[in-house]
């Protein structure tokens, strides 16, 4: 079997409809879901949402409840 040359892409810029061009983005954690962490990408200039991503390689979280 061939090994993958990359594990996952990391986004550095996306198209912003407000700025009307490709812009650098900031990654913000939105939700911690059972299937993975959901992130939102925000424009670095106007802070508009330009995309989302679910990271399925996130480590699982264990909850401990004390009575």
PDB file of N, CA and C in Angstrom:
ATOM      1  N   UNK A   1       0.823  -1.190   0.000  1.00  0.00           N
ATOM      2  CA  UNK A   1       0.000   0.000   0.000  1.00  0.00           C
ATOM      3  C   UNK A   1       0.870   1.258   0.000  1.00  0.00           C
ATOM      4  N   UNK A   2       0.420   2.257  -0.693  1.00  0.00           N
ATOM      5  CA  UNK A   2       1.131   3.532  -0.717  1.00  0.00           C
ATOM      6  C   UNK A   2       0.682   4.397   0.450  1.00  0.00           C
ATOM      7  N   UNK A   3       1.632   5.082   1.053  1.00  0.00           N
ATOM      8  CA  UNK A   3       1.303   6.002   2.125  1.00  0.00           C
ATOM      9  C   UNK A   3       0.870   7.335   1.536  1.00  0.00           C
ATOM     10  N   UNK A   4      -0.039   7.980   2.216  1.00  0.00           N
ATOM     11  CA  UNK A   4      -0.484   9.291   1.799  1.00  0.00           C
ATOM     12  C   UNK A   4       0.650  10.298   1.980  1.00  0.00           C
ATOM     13  N   UNK A   5       0.788  11.217   1.034  1.00  0.00           N
ATOM     14  CA  UNK A   5       1.842  12.213   1.130  1.00  0.00           C
ATOM     15  C   UNK A   5       1.465  13.336   2.088  1.00  0.00           C
ATOM     16  N   UNK A   6       0.204  13.423   2.414  1.00  0.00           N
ATOM     17  CA  UNK A   6      -0.244  14.443   3.354  1.00  0.00           C
ATOM     18  C   UNK A   6      -1.388  13.863   4.174  1.00  0.00           C
ATOM     19  N   UNK A   7      -1.542  14.367   5.371  1.00  0.00           N
ATOM     20  CA  UNK A   7      -2.627  13.921   6.243  1.00  0.00           C
ATOM     21  C   UNK A   7      -3.866  14.772   6.022  1.00  0.00           C
ATOM     22  N   UNK A   8      -3.668  16.082   5.926  1.00  0.00           N
ATOM     23  CA  UNK A   8      -4.792  16.993   5.860  1.00  0.00           C
ATOM     24  C   UNK A   8      -4.323  18.353   5.345  1.00  0.00           C
ATOM     25  N   UNK A   9      -5.177  19.045   4.590  1.00  0.00           N
ATOM     26  CA  UNK A   9      -4.859  20.385   4.124  1.00  0.00           C
ATOM     27  C   UNK A   9      -5.143  21.389   5.238  1.00  0.00           C
ATOM     28  N   UNK A  10      -4.320  22.421   5.323  1.00  0.00           N
ATOM     29  CA  UNK A  10      -4.555  23.518   6.259  1.00  0.00           C
ATOM     30  C   UNK A  10      -4.819  24.762   5.418  1.00  0.00           C
ATOM     31  N   UNK A  11      -5.977  25.364   5.600  1.00  0.00           N
ATOM     32  CA  UNK A  11      -6.387  26.514   4.801  1.00  0.00           C
ATOM     33  C   UNK A  11      -5.661  27.769   5.256  1.00  0.00           C
ATOM     34  N   UNK A  12      -5.119  28.514   4.300  1.00  0.00           N
ATOM     35  CA  UNK A  12      -4.456  29.769   4.622  1.00  0.00           C
ATOM     36  C   UNK A  12      -5.198  30.962   4.040  1.00  0.00           C
ATOM     37  N   UNK A  13      -5.912  30.765   2.926  1.00  0.00           N
ATOM     38  CA  UNK A  13      -6.688  31.863   2.352  1.00  0.00           C
ATOM     39  C   UNK A  13      -7.914  31.304   1.631  1.00  0.00           C
ATOM     40  N   UNK A  14      -8.986  32.081   1.668  1.00  0.00           N
ATOM     41  CA  UNK A  14     -10.237  31.738   1.002  1.00  0.00           C
ATOM     42  C   UNK A  14     -10.819  33.003   0.377  1.00  0.00           C
ATOM     43  N   UNK A  15     -11.796  32.820  -0.518  1.00  0.00           N
ATOM     44  CA  UNK A  15     -12.452  33.958  -1.152  1.00  0.00           C
ATOM     45  C   UNK A  15     -13.469  34.566  -0.187  1.00  0.00           C
ATOM     46  N   UNK A  16     -13.390  35.876   0.025  1.00  0.00           N
ATOM     47  CA  UNK A  16     -14.342  36.598   0.872  1.00  0.00           C
ATOM     48  C   UNK A  16     -15.299  37.365  -0.032  1.00  0.00           C
ATOM     49  N   UNK A  17     -16.614  37.104   0.077  1.00  0.00           N
ATOM     50  CA  UNK A  17     -17.571  37.829  -0.769  1.00  0.00           C
ATOM     51  C   UNK A  17     -17.668  39.330  -0.429  1.00  0.00           C
ATOM     52  N   UNK A  18     -17.384  39.702   0.816  1.00  0.00           N
ATOM     53  CA  UNK A  18     -17.426  41.128   1.179  1.00  0.00           C
ATOM     54  C   UNK A  18     -16.229  41.880   0.622  1.00  0.00           C
ATOM     55  N   UNK A  19     -15.042  41.317   0.759  1.00  0.00           N
ATOM     56  CA  UNK A  19     -13.819  41.956   0.251  1.00  0.00           C
ATOM     57  C   UNK A  19     -13.642  41.736  -1.242  1.00  0.00           C
ATOM     58  N   UNK A  20     -14.338  40.748  -1.790  1.00  0.00           N
ATOM     59  CA  UNK A  20     -14.321  40.407  -3.214  1.00  0.00           C
ATOM     60  C   UNK A  20     -12.939  40.002  -3.720  1.00  0.00           C
ATOM     61  N   UNK A  21     -12.225  39.220  -2.865  1.00  0.00           N
ATOM     62  CA  UNK A  21     -10.912  38.694  -3.258  1.00  0.00           C
ATOM     63  C   UNK A  21     -10.522  37.578  -2.288  1.00  0.00           C
ATOM     64  N   UNK A  22      -9.465  36.851  -2.616  1.00  0.00           N
ATOM     65  CA  UNK A  22      -8.929  35.835  -1.715  1.00  0.00           C
ATOM     66  C   UNK A  22      -8.180  36.547  -0.597  1.00  0.00           C
ATOM     67  N   UNK A  23      -8.481  36.150   0.622  1.00  0.00           N
ATOM     68  CA  UNK A  23      -7.908  36.827   1.794  1.00  0.00           C
ATOM     69  C   UNK A  23      -7.362  35.797   2.772  1.00  0.00           C
ATOM     70  N   UNK A  24      -6.436  36.201   3.644  1.00  0.00           N
ATOM     71  CA  UNK A  24      -5.994  35.300   4.711  1.00  0.00           C
ATOM     72  C   UNK A  24      -7.162  35.046   5.665  1.00  0.00           C
ATOM     73  N   UNK A  25      -7.170  33.885   6.284  1.00  0.00           N
ATOM     74  CA  UNK A  25      -8.268  33.542   7.187  1.00  0.00           C
ATOM     75  C   UNK A  25      -7.759  33.205   8.581  1.00  0.00           C
ATOM     76  N   UNK A  26      -8.654  33.350   9.556  1.00  0.00           N
ATOM     77  CA  UNK A  26      -8.406  32.923  10.931  1.00  0.00           C
ATOM     78  C   UNK A  26      -9.328  31.751  11.216  1.00  0.00           C
ATOM     79  N   UNK A  27      -8.835  30.776  11.931  1.00  0.00           N
ATOM     80  CA  UNK A  27      -9.584  29.559  12.245  1.00  0.00           C
ATOM     81  C   UNK A  27     -10.117  29.671  13.667  1.00  0.00           C
ATOM     82  N   UNK A  28     -11.447  29.479  13.837  1.00  0.00           N
ATOM     83  CA  UNK A  28     -12.087  29.628  15.144  1.00  0.00           C
ATOM     84  C   UNK A  28     -12.878  28.362  15.459  1.00  0.00           C
ATOM     85  N   UNK A  29     -12.663  27.802  16.649  1.00  0.00           N
ATOM     86  CA  UNK A  29     -13.398  26.611  17.073  1.00  0.00           C
ATOM     87  C   UNK A  29     -14.834  26.989  17.373  1.00  0.00           C
ATOM     88  N   UNK A  30     -15.785  26.292  16.714  1.00  0.00           N
ATOM     89  CA  UNK A  30     -17.206  26.550  16.932  1.00  0.00           C
ATOM     90  C   UNK A  30     -17.828  25.551  17.893  1.00  0.00           C
ATOM     91  N   UNK A  31     -17.703  24.260  17.572  1.00  0.00           N
ATOM     92  CA  UNK A  31     -18.358  23.207  18.333  1.00  0.00           C
ATOM     93  C   UNK A  31     -17.448  22.009  18.508  1.00  0.00           C
ATOM     94  N   UNK A  32     -17.630  21.307  19.613  1.00  0.00           N
ATOM     95  CA  UNK A  32     -16.974  20.020  19.818  1.00  0.00           C
ATOM     96  C   UNK A  32     -18.074  18.974  19.655  1.00  0.00           C
ATOM     97  N   UNK A  33     -18.020  18.231  18.562  1.00  0.00           N
ATOM     98  CA  UNK A  33     -19.048  17.253  18.218  1.00  0.00           C
ATOM     99  C   UNK A  33     -18.511  15.843  18.373  1.00  0.00           C
ATOM    100  N   UNK A  34     -19.402  14.847  18.496  1.00  0.00           N
ATOM    101  CA  UNK A  34     -18.938  13.454  18.587  1.00  0.00           C
ATOM    102  C   UNK A  34     -18.126  13.017  17.364  1.00  0.00           C
ATOM    103  N   UNK A  35     -18.449  13.552  16.188  1.00  0.00           N
ATOM    104  CA  UNK A  35     -17.724  13.153  14.982  1.00  0.00           C
ATOM    105  C   UNK A  35     -16.474  13.978  14.737  1.00  0.00           C
ATOM    106  N   UNK A  36     -16.259  15.036  15.522  1.00  0.00           N
ATOM    107  CA  UNK A  36     -15.057  15.850  15.386  1.00  0.00           C
ATOM    108  C   UNK A  36     -15.318  17.291  15.751  1.00  0.00           C
ATOM    109  N   UNK A  37     -14.264  18.090  15.763  1.00  0.00           N
ATOM    110  CA  UNK A  37     -14.380  19.506  16.091  1.00  0.00           C
ATOM    111  C   UNK A  37     -14.770  20.299  14.849  1.00  0.00           C
ATOM    112  N   UNK A  38     -15.733  21.217  15.009  1.00  0.00           N
ATOM    113  CA  UNK A  38     -16.154  22.056  13.893  1.00  0.00           C
ATOM    114  C   UNK A  38     -15.509  23.424  14.022  1.00  0.00           C
ATOM    115  N   UNK A  39     -14.848  23.860  12.952  1.00  0.00           N
ATOM    116  CA  UNK A  39     -14.163  25.144  12.918  1.00  0.00           C
ATOM    117  C   UNK A  39     -14.816  26.055  11.895  1.00  0.00           C
ATOM    118  N   UNK A  40     -14.734  27.360  12.144  1.00  0.00           N
ATOM    119  CA  UNK A  40     -15.216  28.362  11.204  1.00  0.00           C
ATOM    120  C   UNK A  40     -14.014  29.177  10.748  1.00  0.00           C
ATOM    121  N   UNK A  41     -13.972  29.505   9.462  1.00  0.00           N
ATOM    122  CA  UNK A  41     -12.913  30.346   8.914  1.00  0.00           C
ATOM    123  C   UNK A  41     -13.452  31.763   8.746  1.00  0.00           C
ATOM    124  N   UNK A  42     -12.718  32.734   9.310  1.00  0.00           N
ATOM    125  CA  UNK A  42     -13.127  34.139   9.257  1.00  0.00           C
ATOM    126  C   UNK A  42     -12.123  34.944   8.445  1.00  0.00           C
ATOM    127  N   UNK A  43     -12.638  35.900   7.666  1.00  0.00           N
ATOM    128  CA  UNK A  43     -11.784  36.805   6.895  1.00  0.00           C
ATOM    129  C   UNK A  43     -10.923  37.602   7.862  1.00  0.00           C
ATOM    130  N   UNK A  44      -9.647  37.724   7.587  1.00  0.00           N
ATOM    131  CA  UNK A  44      -8.720  38.454   8.458  1.00  0.00           C
ATOM    132  C   UNK A  44      -8.949  39.963   8.412  1.00  0.00           C
ATOM    133  N   UNK A  45      -9.640  40.463   7.370  1.00  0.00           N
ATOM    134  CA  UNK A  45      -9.855  41.897   7.227  1.00  0.00           C
ATOM    135  C   UNK A  45     -11.211  42.352   7.763  1.00  0.00           C
ATOM    136  N   UNK A  46     -12.304  41.666   7.380  1.00  0.00           N
ATOM    137  CA  UNK A  46     -13.644  42.120   7.765  1.00  0.00           C
ATOM    138  C   UNK A  46     -14.337  41.179   8.746  1.00  0.00           C
ATOM    139  N   UNK A  47     -13.718  40.063   9.098  1.00  0.00           N
ATOM    140  CA  UNK A  47     -14.243  39.067  10.052  1.00  0.00           C
ATOM    141  C   UNK A  47     -15.521  38.377   9.595  1.00  0.00           C
ATOM    142  N   UNK A  48     -15.792  38.388   8.297  1.00  0.00           N
ATOM    143  CA  UNK A  48     -16.938  37.652   7.766  1.00  0.00           C
ATOM    144  C   UNK A  48     -16.628  36.164   7.751  1.00  0.00           C
ATOM    145  N   UNK A  49     -17.652  35.343   7.936  1.00  0.00           N
ATOM    146  CA  UNK A  49     -17.486  33.904   7.841  1.00  0.00           C
ATOM    147  C   UNK A  49     -17.325  33.522   6.373  1.00  0.00           C
ATOM    148  N   UNK A  50     -16.249  32.777   6.063  1.00  0.00           N
ATOM    149  CA  UNK A  50     -15.992  32.394   4.677  1.00  0.00           C
ATOM    150  C   UNK A  50     -15.968  30.876   4.491  1.00  0.00           C
ATOM    151  N   UNK A  51     -16.196  30.111   5.568  1.00  0.00           N
ATOM    152  CA  UNK A  51     -16.235  28.659   5.433  1.00  0.00           C
ATOM    153  C   UNK A  51     -16.184  27.957   6.775  1.00  0.00           C
ATOM    154  N   UNK A  52     -16.478  26.652   6.740  1.00  0.00           N
ATOM    155  CA  UNK A  52     -16.410  25.817   7.942  1.00  0.00           C
ATOM    156  C   UNK A  52     -15.713  24.509   7.605  1.00  0.00           C
ATOM    157  N   UNK A  53     -15.299  23.801   8.655  1.00  0.00           N
ATOM    158  CA  UNK A  53     -14.608  22.524   8.475  1.00  0.00           C
ATOM    159  C   UNK A  53     -14.830  21.679   9.719  1.00  0.00           C
ATOM    160  N   UNK A  54     -15.005  20.375   9.552  1.00  0.00           N
ATOM    161  CA  UNK A  54     -15.080  19.446  10.676  1.00  0.00           C
ATOM    162  C   UNK A  54     -13.809  18.622  10.681  1.00  0.00           C
ATOM    163  N   UNK A  55     -13.043  18.741  11.762  1.00  0.00           N
ATOM    164  CA  UNK A  55     -11.785  18.016  11.926  1.00  0.00           C
ATOM    165  C   UNK A  55     -12.093  16.674  12.570  1.00  0.00           C
ATOM    166  N   UNK A  56     -12.070  15.615  11.771  1.00  0.00           N
ATOM    167  CA  UNK A  56     -12.410  14.283  12.271  1.00  0.00           C
ATOM    168  C   UNK A  56     -11.248  13.599  12.958  1.00  0.00           C
ATOM    169  N   UNK A  57     -10.066  14.209  12.951  1.00  0.00           N
ATOM    170  CA  UNK A  57      -8.894  13.635  13.605  1.00  0.00           C
ATOM    171  C   UNK A  57      -8.695  14.175  15.017  1.00  0.00           C
ATOM    172  N   UNK A  58      -9.675  14.912  15.518  1.00  0.00           N
ATOM    173  CA  UNK A  58      -9.550  15.499  16.852  1.00  0.00           C
ATOM    174  C   UNK A  58      -9.589  14.396  17.911  1.00  0.00           C
ATOM    175  N   UNK A  59      -8.812  14.556  18.973  1.00  0.00           N
ATOM    176  CA  UNK A  59      -8.836  13.553  20.039  1.00  0.00           C
ATOM    177  C   UNK A  59     -10.188  13.555  20.749  1.00  0.00           C
ATOM    178  N   UNK A  60     -10.632  12.387  21.167  1.00  0.00           N
ATOM    179  CA  UNK A  60     -11.921  12.287  21.832  1.00  0.00           C
ATOM    180  C   UNK A  60     -11.822  12.846  23.254  1.00  0.00           C
ATOM    181  N   UNK A  61     -12.943  13.348  23.723  1.00  0.00           N
ATOM    182  CA  UNK A  61     -13.001  13.953  25.045  1.00  0.00           C
ATOM    183  C   UNK A  61     -13.727  13.005  25.991  1.00  0.00           C
ATOM    184  N   UNK A  62     -13.140  12.792  27.150  1.00  0.00           N
ATOM    185  CA  UNK A  62     -13.774  11.950  28.165  1.00  0.00           C
ATOM    186  C   UNK A  62     -14.366  12.853  29.230  1.00  0.00           C
ATOM    187  N   UNK A  63     -15.635  12.604  29.568  1.00  0.00           N
ATOM    188  CA  UNK A  63     -16.296  13.354  30.610  1.00  0.00           C
ATOM    189  C   UNK A  63     -16.398  12.488  31.855  1.00  0.00           C
ATOM    190  N   UNK A  64     -16.075  13.074  32.977  1.00  0.00           N
ATOM    191  CA  UNK A  64     -16.168  12.355  34.256  1.00  0.00           C
ATOM    192  C   UNK A  64     -17.154  13.120  35.133  1.00  0.00           C
ATOM    193  N   UNK A  65     -18.223  12.439  35.534  1.00  0.00           N
ATOM    194  CA  UNK A  65     -19.230  13.045  36.382  1.00  0.00           C
ATOM    195  C   UNK A  65     -19.059  12.531  37.795  1.00  0.00           C
ATOM    196  N   UNK A  66     -19.040  13.436  38.740  1.00  0.00           N
ATOM    197  CA  UNK A  66     -18.946  13.059  40.148  1.00  0.00           C
ATOM    198  C   UNK A  66     -20.329  13.238  40.775  1.00  0.00           C
ATOM    199  N   UNK A  67     -20.782  12.248  41.573  1.00  0.00           N
ATOM    200  CA  UNK A  67     -22.101  12.385  42.208  1.00  0.00           C
ATOM    201  C   UNK A  67     -22.107  13.417  43.329  1.00  0.00           C
TER     202      UNK A  67
END
